[in-house]
Amino acid sequence: MKSTLIAGVTTTVAIEIDRDRTIDFMGDECRVYATPNLVRDIEMTCRELLLEHLDAGEDSVGSRVELDHTAPTLLGMKVELTVTISSVEGRAVSFEITGKDPVDAICRGKHNRFVVDVAKTAERLKAKAAKAG
């Protein structure tokens, strides 16, 4: 990890809500941003921010998500997700998250990620796969 990985580092991304990011179970007239896709977009935004501050061979994995999805975002709208590092404790990194579309604040929450060594993680996963048969 680089010395630039500190609390207060932030980024904002704009995401257009395409059909693949919406729910489909209430018909086309009710297509809105699906919560699982919002969570994925948050995780990817946090990961990409972290990658700017990690060394070669490091990546991160999610370990916790706490999210209030407070308003629907319609198909075709854009959202802005802002993620801010709130703390760094060893390899554990916490984020504060907010999101908005052109009309409403759509979410707020927290996300935790853990910085890992990719090669060591691959070895641990191989060992687990061997145990699982």
C-alpha atoms as a PDB file:
ATOM      1  CA  MET A   1       0.000   0.000   0.000  1.00  0.00           C
ATOM      2  CA  LYS A   2       1.196   3.477  -0.809  1.00  0.00           C
ATOM      3  CA  SER A   3       1.426   6.304   1.694  1.00  0.00           C
ATOM      4  CA  THR A   4      -1.325   8.105  -0.270  1.00  0.00           C
ATOM      5  CA  LEU A   5      -3.939   5.646   1.049  1.00  0.00           C
ATOM      6  CA  ILE A   6      -5.398   7.851   3.785  1.00  0.00           C
ATOM      7  CA  ALA A   7      -8.742   8.947   5.168  1.00  0.00           C
ATOM      8  CA  GLY A   8     -10.327  11.732   3.165  1.00  0.00           C
ATOM      9  CA  VAL A   9      -9.375  10.437  -0.284  1.00  0.00           C
ATOM     10  CA  THR A  10     -12.499  10.616  -2.430  1.00  0.00           C
ATOM     11  CA  THR A  11     -13.837  10.116  -5.921  1.00  0.00           C
ATOM     12  CA  THR A  12     -17.119  10.624  -7.723  1.00  0.00           C
ATOM     13  CA  VAL A  13     -18.232   8.592 -10.723  1.00  0.00           C
ATOM     14  CA  ALA A  14     -21.167   9.084 -13.074  1.00  0.00           C
ATOM     15  CA  ILE A  15     -23.045   5.985 -14.188  1.00  0.00           C
ATOM     16  CA  GLU A  16     -25.843   5.834 -16.719  1.00  0.00           C
ATOM     17  CA  ILE A  17     -28.576   3.455 -15.648  1.00  0.00           C
ATOM     18  CA  ASP A  18     -28.902   1.118 -18.588  1.00  0.00           C
ATOM     19  CA  ARG A  19     -31.376  -1.742 -18.935  1.00  0.00           C
ATOM     20  CA  ASP A  20     -28.964  -4.299 -17.423  1.00  0.00           C
ATOM     21  CA  ARG A  21     -28.794  -2.276 -14.189  1.00  0.00           C
ATOM     22  CA  THR A  22     -32.576  -2.252 -13.677  1.00  0.00           C
ATOM     23  CA  ILE A  23     -35.163  -4.538 -12.126  1.00  0.00           C
ATOM     24  CA  ASP A  24     -37.407  -6.454 -14.509  1.00  0.00           C
ATOM     25  CA  PHE A  25     -39.983  -8.055 -12.219  1.00  0.00           C
ATOM     26  CA  MET A  26     -42.526  -5.195 -12.317  1.00  0.00           C
ATOM     27  CA  GLY A  27     -42.580  -4.716 -16.086  1.00  0.00           C
ATOM     28  CA  ASP A  28     -40.955  -2.198 -18.408  1.00  0.00           C
ATOM     29  CA  GLU A  29     -42.841   0.802 -17.000  1.00  0.00           C
ATOM     30  CA  CYS A  30     -41.275   0.225 -13.596  1.00  0.00           C
ATOM     31  CA  ARG A  31     -37.654  -0.372 -14.568  1.00  0.00           C
ATOM     32  CA  VAL A  32     -35.480   1.291 -11.910  1.00  0.00           C
ATOM     33  CA  TYR A  33     -31.906   0.881 -10.666  1.00  0.00           C
ATOM     34  CA  ALA A  34     -31.704  -2.489  -8.937  1.00  0.00           C
ATOM     35  CA  THR A  35     -30.204  -2.508  -5.447  1.00  0.00           C
ATOM     36  CA  PRO A  36     -27.833  -5.427  -6.194  1.00  0.00           C
ATOM     37  CA  ASN A  37     -26.437  -3.476  -9.144  1.00  0.00           C
ATOM     38  CA  LEU A  38     -26.085  -0.358  -6.997  1.00  0.00           C
ATOM     39  CA  VAL A  39     -24.084  -2.425  -4.502  1.00  0.00           C
ATOM     40  CA  ARG A  40     -21.874  -3.769  -7.322  1.00  0.00           C
ATOM     41  CA  ASP A  41     -21.297  -0.247  -8.667  1.00  0.00           C
ATOM     42  CA  ILE A  42     -20.345   0.944  -5.175  1.00  0.00           C
ATOM     43  CA  GLU A  43     -17.925  -1.965  -4.720  1.00  0.00           C
ATOM     44  CA  MET A  44     -16.301  -1.369  -8.097  1.00  0.00           C
ATOM     45  CA  THR A  45     -15.984   2.380  -7.451  1.00  0.00           C
ATOM     46  CA  CYS A  46     -14.315   1.754  -4.093  1.00  0.00           C
ATOM     47  CA  ARG A  47     -12.021  -0.900  -5.584  1.00  0.00           C
ATOM     48  CA  GLU A  48     -10.935   1.354  -8.424  1.00  0.00           C
ATOM     49  CA  LEU A  49     -10.172   4.171  -5.995  1.00  0.00           C
ATOM     50  CA  LEU A  50      -8.099   1.787  -3.894  1.00  0.00           C
ATOM     51  CA  LEU A  51      -6.169   0.469  -6.892  1.00  0.00           C
ATOM     52  CA  GLU A  52      -4.739   3.970  -7.393  1.00  0.00           C
ATOM     53  CA  HIS A  53      -3.146   3.676  -3.941  1.00  0.00           C
ATOM     54  CA  LEU A  54      -2.026   0.033  -3.921  1.00  0.00           C
ATOM     55  CA  ASP A  55       1.262  -1.548  -4.916  1.00  0.00           C
ATOM     56  CA  ALA A  56       1.735  -4.024  -7.751  1.00  0.00           C
ATOM     57  CA  GLY A  57       0.364  -7.421  -6.773  1.00  0.00           C
ATOM     58  CA  GLU A  58      -2.211  -5.961  -4.391  1.00  0.00           C
ATOM     59  CA  ASP A  59      -5.969  -5.752  -4.837  1.00  0.00           C
ATOM     60  CA  SER A  60      -8.933  -5.638  -2.487  1.00  0.00           C
ATOM     61  CA  VAL A  61     -11.969  -7.673  -1.571  1.00  0.00           C
ATOM     62  CA  GLY A  62     -15.223  -6.466  -0.076  1.00  0.00           C
ATOM     63  CA  SER A  63     -16.004  -7.493   3.481  1.00  0.00           C
ATOM     64  CA  ARG A  64     -19.096  -5.464   4.457  1.00  0.00           C
ATOM     65  CA  VAL A  65     -21.818  -3.328   2.904  1.00  0.00           C
ATOM     66  CA  GLU A  66     -24.324  -1.217   4.833  1.00  0.00           C
ATOM     67  CA  LEU A  67     -26.659   0.588   2.460  1.00  0.00           C
ATOM     68  CA  ASP A  68     -29.875   2.566   2.503  1.00  0.00           C
ATOM     69  CA  HIS A  69     -31.284   2.696  -1.041  1.00  0.00           C
ATOM     70  CA  THR A  70     -33.644   5.617  -0.509  1.00  0.00           C
ATOM     71  CA  ALA A  71     -35.064   6.588  -3.918  1.00  0.00           C
ATOM     72  CA  PRO A  72     -35.623   4.995  -7.318  1.00  0.00           C
ATOM     73  CA  THR A  73     -33.551   5.983 -10.334  1.00  0.00           C
ATOM     74  CA  LEU A  74     -35.250   5.573 -13.685  1.00  0.00           C
ATOM     75  CA  LEU A  75     -33.853   3.725 -16.675  1.00  0.00           C
ATOM     76  CA  GLY A  76     -31.751   6.186 -18.692  1.00  0.00           C
ATOM     77  CA  MET A  77     -30.972   8.542 -15.802  1.00  0.00           C
ATOM     78  CA  LYS A  78     -27.436   9.135 -14.580  1.00  0.00           C
ATOM     79  CA  VAL A  79     -26.330   8.697 -10.998  1.00  0.00           C
ATOM     80  CA  GLU A  80     -23.330  10.144  -9.242  1.00  0.00           C
ATOM     81  CA  LEU A  81     -21.727   7.902  -6.642  1.00  0.00           C
ATOM     82  CA  THR A  82     -19.280   9.533  -4.248  1.00  0.00           C
ATOM     83  CA  VAL A  83     -17.036   7.302  -2.147  1.00  0.00           C
ATOM     84  CA  THR A  84     -14.724   8.655   0.518  1.00  0.00           C
ATOM     85  CA  ILE A  85     -12.193   6.723   2.552  1.00  0.00           C
ATOM     86  CA  SER A  86     -13.212   7.199   6.170  1.00  0.00           C
ATOM     87  CA  SER A  87     -10.498   5.092   7.793  1.00  0.00           C
ATOM     88  CA  VAL A  88      -7.472   2.923   7.078  1.00  0.00           C
ATOM     89  CA  GLU A  89      -6.535   0.420   9.781  1.00  0.00           C
ATOM     90  CA  GLY A  90      -3.742  -1.791   8.514  1.00  0.00           C
ATOM     91  CA  ARG A  91      -5.189  -3.521   5.454  1.00  0.00           C
ATOM     92  CA  ALA A  92      -8.809  -2.736   6.407  1.00  0.00           C
ATOM     93  CA  VAL A  93     -10.236   0.258   4.553  1.00  0.00           C
ATOM     94  CA  SER A  94     -13.654   1.805   5.291  1.00  0.00           C
ATOM     95  CA  PHE A  95     -15.668   4.061   2.995  1.00  0.00           C
ATOM     96  CA  GLU A  96     -18.609   6.436   3.326  1.00  0.00           C
ATOM     97  CA  ILE A  97     -20.905   6.383   0.304  1.00  0.00           C
ATOM     98  CA  THR A  98     -23.487   8.780  -1.080  1.00  0.00           C
ATOM     99  CA  GLY A  99     -25.366   8.687  -4.329  1.00  0.00           C
ATOM    100  CA  LYS A 100     -27.740  10.959  -6.198  1.00  0.00           C
ATOM    101  CA  ASP A 101     -29.584  11.209  -9.478  1.00  0.00           C
ATOM    102  CA  PRO A 102     -30.733  14.486 -11.061  1.00  0.00           C
ATOM    103  CA  VAL A 103     -33.837  14.518  -8.821  1.00  0.00           C
ATOM    104  CA  ASP A 104     -33.065  12.754  -5.531  1.00  0.00           C
ATOM    105  CA  ALA A 105     -30.430  11.570  -3.128  1.00  0.00           C
ATOM    106  CA  ILE A 106     -30.654   7.826  -3.833  1.00  0.00           C
ATOM    107  CA  CYS A 107     -28.385   6.173  -1.296  1.00  0.00           C
ATOM    108  CA  ARG A 108     -26.079   6.499   1.657  1.00  0.00           C
ATOM    109  CA  GLY A 109     -24.012   3.889   3.372  1.00  0.00           C
ATOM    110  CA  LYS A 110     -20.725   2.348   4.352  1.00  0.00           C
ATOM    111  CA  HIS A 111     -18.490  -0.201   2.699  1.00  0.00           C
ATOM    112  CA  ASN A 112     -15.450  -2.053   4.011  1.00  0.00           C
ATOM    113  CA  ARG A 113     -12.723  -3.582   1.882  1.00  0.00           C
ATOM    114  CA  PHE A 114      -9.598  -5.512   2.770  1.00  0.00           C
ATOM    115  CA  VAL A 115      -6.336  -5.126   0.859  1.00  0.00           C
ATOM    116  CA  VAL A 116      -4.911  -8.483  -0.203  1.00  0.00           C
ATOM    117  CA  ASP A 117      -1.803  -9.846  -1.855  1.00  0.00           C
ATOM    118  CA  VAL A 118      -3.170 -11.474  -5.017  1.00  0.00           C
ATOM    119  CA  ALA A 119      -0.614 -14.318  -5.128  1.00  0.00           C
ATOM    120  CA  LYS A 120      -1.161 -15.251  -1.469  1.00  0.00           C
ATOM    121  CA  THR A 121      -4.936 -15.110  -1.952  1.00  0.00           C
ATOM    122  CA  ALA A 122      -4.686 -17.444  -4.954  1.00  0.00           C
ATOM    123  CA  GLU A 123      -2.706 -19.929  -2.851  1.00  0.00           C
ATOM    124  CA  ARG A 124      -5.287 -19.814  -0.029  1.00  0.00           C
ATOM    125  CA  LEU A 125      -8.084 -20.412  -2.538  1.00  0.00           C
ATOM    126  CA  LYS A 126      -6.244 -23.383  -4.073  1.00  0.00           C
ATOM    127  CA  ALA A 127      -5.813 -24.877  -0.601  1.00  0.00           C
ATOM    128  CA  LYS A 128      -9.506 -24.429   0.140  1.00  0.00           C
ATOM    129  CA  ALA A 129     -10.471 -26.000  -3.192  1.00  0.00           C
ATOM    130  CA  ALA A 130      -8.274 -28.990  -2.378  1.00  0.00           C
ATOM    131  CA  LYS A 131      -9.992 -29.411   0.996  1.00  0.00           C
ATOM    132  CA  ALA A 132     -13.412 -29.128  -0.613  1.00  0.00           C
ATOM    133  CA  GLY A 133     -12.525 -31.910  -3.056  1.00  0.00           C
END
